[in-house]
Amino acid sequence: MGLRGFEPLAFHKCRRWGALAAGALLLLIVLVAWWMYPIWTGQVLPYEQWMLRLWMPTWV
């Protein structure tokens, strides 16, 4: 007995896409953290590297 109008195959497709979306989001978060780590830890950066990491002009 299952949910009416809800096919098991559709559930597995939704679950797969949800898992892929969650994995992609986690990868994006890890990459941004890696990119911003030198600023968060107060490391000395060359000016060019500093400006690359400041994505918004108002952050200066």
PDB file of N, CA and C in Angstrom:
ATOM      1  N   MET A   1       0.848  -1.176   0.000  1.00  0.00           N
ATOM      2  CA  MET A   1       0.000   0.000   0.000  1.00  0.00           C
ATOM      3  C   MET A   1       0.892   1.236   0.000  1.00  0.00           C
ATOM      4  N   GLY A   2       0.690   2.110  -0.912  1.00  0.00           N
ATOM      5  CA  GLY A   2       1.514   3.297  -1.021  1.00  0.00           C
ATOM      6  C   GLY A   2       0.659   4.552  -1.070  1.00  0.00           C
ATOM      7  N   LEU A   3       1.286   5.635  -1.352  1.00  0.00           N
ATOM      8  CA  LEU A   3       0.561   6.887  -1.489  1.00  0.00           C
ATOM      9  C   LEU A   3      -0.174   6.896  -2.821  1.00  0.00           C
ATOM     10  N   ARG A   4      -1.364   7.420  -2.813  1.00  0.00           N
ATOM     11  CA  ARG A   4      -2.144   7.473  -4.050  1.00  0.00           C
ATOM     12  C   ARG A   4      -1.528   8.476  -5.014  1.00  0.00           C
ATOM     13  N   GLY A   5      -1.394   8.048  -6.246  1.00  0.00           N
ATOM     14  CA  GLY A   5      -0.885   8.936  -7.280  1.00  0.00           C
ATOM     15  C   GLY A   5       0.606   9.204  -7.169  1.00  0.00           C
ATOM     16  N   PHE A   6       1.276   8.441  -6.362  1.00  0.00           N
ATOM     17  CA  PHE A   6       2.700   8.666  -6.177  1.00  0.00           C
ATOM     18  C   PHE A   6       3.442   7.403  -6.560  1.00  0.00           C
ATOM     19  N   GLU A   7       4.120   7.435  -7.676  1.00  0.00           N
ATOM     20  CA  GLU A   7       4.820   6.259  -8.180  1.00  0.00           C
ATOM     21  C   GLU A   7       6.167   6.113  -7.484  1.00  0.00           C
ATOM     22  N   PRO A   8       6.553   4.894  -7.149  1.00  0.00           N
ATOM     23  CA  PRO A   8       7.854   4.680  -6.510  1.00  0.00           C
ATOM     24  C   PRO A   8       9.018   5.165  -7.373  1.00  0.00           C
ATOM     25  N   LEU A   9       8.902   5.017  -8.702  1.00  0.00           N
ATOM     26  CA  LEU A   9       9.972   5.456  -9.594  1.00  0.00           C
ATOM     27  C   LEU A   9      10.163   6.967  -9.519  1.00  0.00           C
ATOM     28  N   ALA A  10       9.054   7.724  -9.438  1.00  0.00           N
ATOM     29  CA  ALA A  10       9.145   9.176  -9.333  1.00  0.00           C
ATOM     30  C   ALA A  10       9.821   9.577  -8.030  1.00  0.00           C
ATOM     31  N   PHE A  11       9.547   8.817  -6.964  1.00  0.00           N
ATOM     32  CA  PHE A  11      10.177   9.103  -5.673  1.00  0.00           C
ATOM     33  C   PHE A  11      11.691   8.953  -5.772  1.00  0.00           C
ATOM     34  N   HIS A  12      12.147   7.901  -6.441  1.00  0.00           N
ATOM     35  CA  HIS A  12      13.579   7.673  -6.569  1.00  0.00           C
ATOM     36  C   HIS A  12      14.239   8.740  -7.437  1.00  0.00           C
ATOM     37  N   LYS A  13      13.529   9.234  -8.450  1.00  0.00           N
ATOM     38  CA  LYS A  13      14.075  10.316  -9.279  1.00  0.00           C
ATOM     39  C   LYS A  13      14.221  11.593  -8.460  1.00  0.00           C
ATOM     40  N   CYS A  14      13.198  11.914  -7.673  1.00  0.00           N
ATOM     41  CA  CYS A  14      13.254  13.114  -6.830  1.00  0.00           C
ATOM     42  C   CYS A  14      14.369  12.995  -5.805  1.00  0.00           C
ATOM     43  N   ARG A  15      14.497  11.805  -5.239  1.00  0.00           N
ATOM     44  CA  ARG A  15      15.537  11.596  -4.229  1.00  0.00           C
ATOM     45  C   ARG A  15      16.930  11.729  -4.850  1.00  0.00           C
ATOM     46  N   ARG A  16      17.108  11.192  -6.052  1.00  0.00           N
ATOM     47  CA  ARG A  16      18.397  11.296  -6.732  1.00  0.00           C
ATOM     48  C   ARG A  16      18.736  12.762  -7.021  1.00  0.00           C
ATOM     49  N   TRP A  17      17.769  13.512  -7.543  1.00  0.00           N
ATOM     50  CA  TRP A  17      18.022  14.920  -7.857  1.00  0.00           C
ATOM     51  C   TRP A  17      18.265  15.731  -6.583  1.00  0.00           C
ATOM     52  N   GLY A  18      17.563  15.383  -5.527  1.00  0.00           N
ATOM     53  CA  GLY A  18      17.786  16.063  -4.255  1.00  0.00           C
ATOM     54  C   GLY A  18      19.181  15.797  -3.712  1.00  0.00           C
ATOM     55  N   ALA A  19      19.628  14.548  -3.830  1.00  0.00           N
ATOM     56  CA  ALA A  19      20.974  14.199  -3.376  1.00  0.00           C
ATOM     57  C   ALA A  19      22.037  14.913  -4.218  1.00  0.00           C
ATOM     58  N   LEU A  20      21.819  14.977  -5.523  1.00  0.00           N
ATOM     59  CA  LEU A  20      22.763  15.700  -6.387  1.00  0.00           C
ATOM     60  C   LEU A  20      22.800  17.194  -6.055  1.00  0.00           C
ATOM     61  N   ALA A  21      21.644  17.776  -5.811  1.00  0.00           N
ATOM     62  CA  ALA A  21      21.583  19.197  -5.466  1.00  0.00           C
ATOM     63  C   ALA A  21      22.285  19.456  -4.128  1.00  0.00           C
ATOM     64  N   ALA A  22      22.051  18.580  -3.151  1.00  0.00           N
ATOM     65  CA  ALA A  22      22.701  18.742  -1.841  1.00  0.00           C
ATOM     66  C   ALA A  22      24.212  18.587  -1.969  1.00  0.00           C
ATOM     67  N   GLY A  23      24.664  17.636  -2.777  1.00  0.00           N
ATOM     68  CA  GLY A  23      26.097  17.449  -2.999  1.00  0.00           C
ATOM     69  C   GLY A  23      26.726  18.642  -3.692  1.00  0.00           C
ATOM     70  N   ALA A  24      26.026  19.199  -4.683  1.00  0.00           N
ATOM     71  CA  ALA A  24      26.539  20.370  -5.386  1.00  0.00           C
ATOM     72  C   ALA A  24      26.623  21.576  -4.445  1.00  0.00           C
ATOM     73  N   LEU A  25      25.624  21.745  -3.600  1.00  0.00           N
ATOM     74  CA  LEU A  25      25.644  22.847  -2.639  1.00  0.00           C
ATOM     75  C   LEU A  25      26.793  22.681  -1.645  1.00  0.00           C
ATOM     76  N   LEU A  26      26.990  21.481  -1.161  1.00  0.00           N
ATOM     77  CA  LEU A  26      28.092  21.223  -0.238  1.00  0.00           C
ATOM     78  C   LEU A  26      29.439  21.496  -0.897  1.00  0.00           C
ATOM     79  N   LEU A  27      29.601  21.079  -2.146  1.00  0.00           N
ATOM     80  CA  LEU A  27      30.840  21.357  -2.876  1.00  0.00           C
ATOM     81  C   LEU A  27      31.062  22.859  -3.034  1.00  0.00           C
ATOM     82  N   LEU A  28      30.015  23.605  -3.354  1.00  0.00           N
ATOM     83  CA  LEU A  28      30.119  25.056  -3.486  1.00  0.00           C
ATOM     84  C   LEU A  28      30.527  25.698  -2.164  1.00  0.00           C
ATOM     85  N   ILE A  29      29.952  25.249  -1.072  1.00  0.00           N
ATOM     86  CA  ILE A  29      30.284  25.794   0.245  1.00  0.00           C
ATOM     87  C   ILE A  29      31.743  25.527   0.589  1.00  0.00           C
ATOM     88  N   VAL A  30      32.214  24.318   0.304  1.00  0.00           N
ATOM     89  CA  VAL A  30      33.613  23.973   0.589  1.00  0.00           C
ATOM     90  C   VAL A  30      34.558  24.819  -0.264  1.00  0.00           C
ATOM     91  N   LEU A  31      34.233  25.018  -1.528  1.00  0.00           N
ATOM     92  CA  LEU A  31      35.093  25.831  -2.403  1.00  0.00           C
ATOM     93  C   LEU A  31      35.147  27.290  -1.955  1.00  0.00           C
ATOM     94  N   VAL A  32      34.019  27.848  -1.566  1.00  0.00           N
ATOM     95  CA  VAL A  32      34.002  29.238  -1.089  1.00  0.00           C
ATOM     96  C   VAL A  32      34.793  29.362   0.210  1.00  0.00           C
ATOM     97  N   ALA A  33      34.651  28.391   1.095  1.00  0.00           N
ATOM     98  CA  ALA A  33      35.406  28.416   2.351  1.00  0.00           C
ATOM     99  C   ALA A  33      36.903  28.331   2.077  1.00  0.00           C
ATOM    100  N   TRP A  34      37.298  27.480   1.145  1.00  0.00           N
ATOM    101  CA  TRP A  34      38.718  27.366   0.769  1.00  0.00           C
ATOM    102  C   TRP A  34      39.230  28.683   0.188  1.00  0.00           C
ATOM    103  N   TRP A  35      38.422  29.335  -0.635  1.00  0.00           N
ATOM    104  CA  TRP A  35      38.821  30.591  -1.283  1.00  0.00           C
ATOM    105  C   TRP A  35      38.945  31.736  -0.272  1.00  0.00           C
ATOM    106  N   MET A  36      38.052  31.783   0.709  1.00  0.00           N
ATOM    107  CA  MET A  36      38.052  32.870   1.683  1.00  0.00           C
ATOM    108  C   MET A  36      38.916  32.596   2.919  1.00  0.00           C
ATOM    109  N   TYR A  37      39.433  31.401   3.062  1.00  0.00           N
ATOM    110  CA  TYR A  37      40.208  31.022   4.247  1.00  0.00           C
ATOM    111  C   TYR A  37      41.366  31.982   4.550  1.00  0.00           C
ATOM    112  N   PRO A  38      42.149  32.424   3.556  1.00  0.00           N
ATOM    113  CA  PRO A  38      43.242  33.360   3.880  1.00  0.00           C
ATOM    114  C   PRO A  38      42.753  34.673   4.505  1.00  0.00           C
ATOM    115  N   ILE A  39      41.601  35.144   4.102  1.00  0.00           N
ATOM    116  CA  ILE A  39      41.061  36.380   4.681  1.00  0.00           C
ATOM    117  C   ILE A  39      40.566  36.107   6.096  1.00  0.00           C
ATOM    118  N   TRP A  40      39.868  35.001   6.291  1.00  0.00           N
ATOM    119  CA  TRP A  40      39.312  34.670   7.605  1.00  0.00           C
ATOM    120  C   TRP A  40      40.395  34.444   8.643  1.00  0.00           C
ATOM    121  N   THR A  41      41.560  33.967   8.202  1.00  0.00           N
ATOM    122  CA  THR A  41      42.641  33.675   9.145  1.00  0.00           C
ATOM    123  C   THR A  41      43.652  34.809   9.248  1.00  0.00           C
ATOM    124  N   GLY A  42      43.453  35.893   8.524  1.00  0.00           N
ATOM    125  CA  GLY A  42      44.321  37.057   8.626  1.00  0.00           C
ATOM    126  C   GLY A  42      45.684  36.885   7.983  1.00  0.00           C
ATOM    127  N   GLN A  43      45.778  36.054   6.968  1.00  0.00           N
ATOM    128  CA  GLN A  43      47.046  35.863   6.280  1.00  0.00           C
ATOM    129  C   GLN A  43      47.362  37.081   5.415  1.00  0.00           C
ATOM    130  N   VAL A  44      48.649  37.311   5.204  1.00  0.00           N
ATOM    131  CA  VAL A  44      49.083  38.422   4.353  1.00  0.00           C
ATOM    132  C   VAL A  44      48.943  37.979   2.903  1.00  0.00           C
ATOM    133  N   LEU A  45      48.227  38.794   2.114  1.00  0.00           N
ATOM    134  CA  LEU A  45      48.006  38.495   0.704  1.00  0.00           C
ATOM    135  C   LEU A  45      48.533  39.634  -0.153  1.00  0.00           C
ATOM    136  N   PRO A  46      49.028  39.315  -1.341  1.00  0.00           N
ATOM    137  CA  PRO A  46      49.343  40.397  -2.283  1.00  0.00           C
ATOM    138  C   PRO A  46      48.057  41.161  -2.641  1.00  0.00           C
ATOM    139  N   TYR A  47      48.213  42.404  -3.041  1.00  0.00           N
ATOM    140  CA  TYR A  47      47.058  43.252  -3.339  1.00  0.00           C
ATOM    141  C   TYR A  47      46.141  42.624  -4.386  1.00  0.00           C
ATOM    142  N   GLU A  48      46.727  42.026  -5.423  1.00  0.00           N
ATOM    143  CA  GLU A  48      45.916  41.426  -6.486  1.00  0.00           C
ATOM    144  C   GLU A  48      45.052  40.282  -5.934  1.00  0.00           C
ATOM    145  N   GLN A  49      45.636  39.455  -5.072  1.00  0.00           N
ATOM    146  CA  GLN A  49      44.881  38.357  -4.477  1.00  0.00           C
ATOM    147  C   GLN A  49      43.781  38.883  -3.544  1.00  0.00           C
ATOM    148  N   TRP A  50      44.098  39.928  -2.821  1.00  0.00           N
ATOM    149  CA  TRP A  50      43.118  40.549  -1.926  1.00  0.00           C
ATOM    150  C   TRP A  50      41.918  41.051  -2.723  1.00  0.00           C
ATOM    151  N   MET A  51      42.198  41.743  -3.835  1.00  0.00           N
ATOM    152  CA  MET A  51      41.112  42.292  -4.638  1.00  0.00           C
ATOM    153  C   MET A  51      40.303  41.193  -5.327  1.00  0.00           C
ATOM    154  N   LEU A  52      40.917  40.068  -5.664  1.00  0.00           N
ATOM    155  CA  LEU A  52      40.171  38.955  -6.248  1.00  0.00           C
ATOM    156  C   LEU A  52      39.157  38.386  -5.259  1.00  0.00           C
ATOM    157  N   ARG A  53      39.505  38.407  -3.996  1.00  0.00           N
ATOM    158  CA  ARG A  53      38.628  37.822  -2.987  1.00  0.00           C
ATOM    159  C   ARG A  53      37.527  38.774  -2.523  1.00  0.00           C
ATOM    160  N   LEU A  54      37.656  40.045  -2.813  1.00  0.00           N
ATOM    161  CA  LEU A  54      36.601  41.003  -2.464  1.00  0.00           C
ATOM    162  C   LEU A  54      35.638  41.105  -3.639  1.00  0.00           C
ATOM    163  N   TRP A  55      34.557  40.344  -3.573  1.00  0.00           N
ATOM    164  CA  TRP A  55      33.644  40.238  -4.693  1.00  0.00           C
ATOM    165  C   TRP A  55      32.758  41.472  -4.868  1.00  0.00           C
ATOM    166  N   MET A  56      32.513  42.199  -3.809  1.00  0.00           N
ATOM    167  CA  MET A  56      31.658  43.380  -3.883  1.00  0.00           C
ATOM    168  C   MET A  56      32.517  44.633  -3.723  1.00  0.00           C
ATOM    169  N   PRO A  57      32.306  45.652  -4.534  1.00  0.00           N
ATOM    170  CA  PRO A  57      33.118  46.861  -4.437  1.00  0.00           C
ATOM    171  C   PRO A  57      32.981  47.557  -3.070  1.00  0.00           C
ATOM    172  N   THR A  58      31.867  47.376  -2.393  1.00  0.00           N
ATOM    173  CA  THR A  58      31.664  48.043  -1.103  1.00  0.00           C
ATOM    174  C   THR A  58      32.409  47.356   0.042  1.00  0.00           C
ATOM    175  N   TRP A  59      33.045  46.215  -0.207  1.00  0.00           N
ATOM    176  CA  TRP A  59      33.761  45.507   0.828  1.00  0.00           C
ATOM    177  C   TRP A  59      35.118  46.133   1.125  1.00  0.00           C
ATOM    178  N   VAL A  60      35.562  47.041   0.276  1.00  0.00           N
ATOM    179  CA  VAL A  60      36.887  47.645   0.451  1.00  0.00           C
ATOM    180  C   VAL A  60      36.811  48.699   1.541  1.00  0.00           C
TER     181      VAL A  60
END
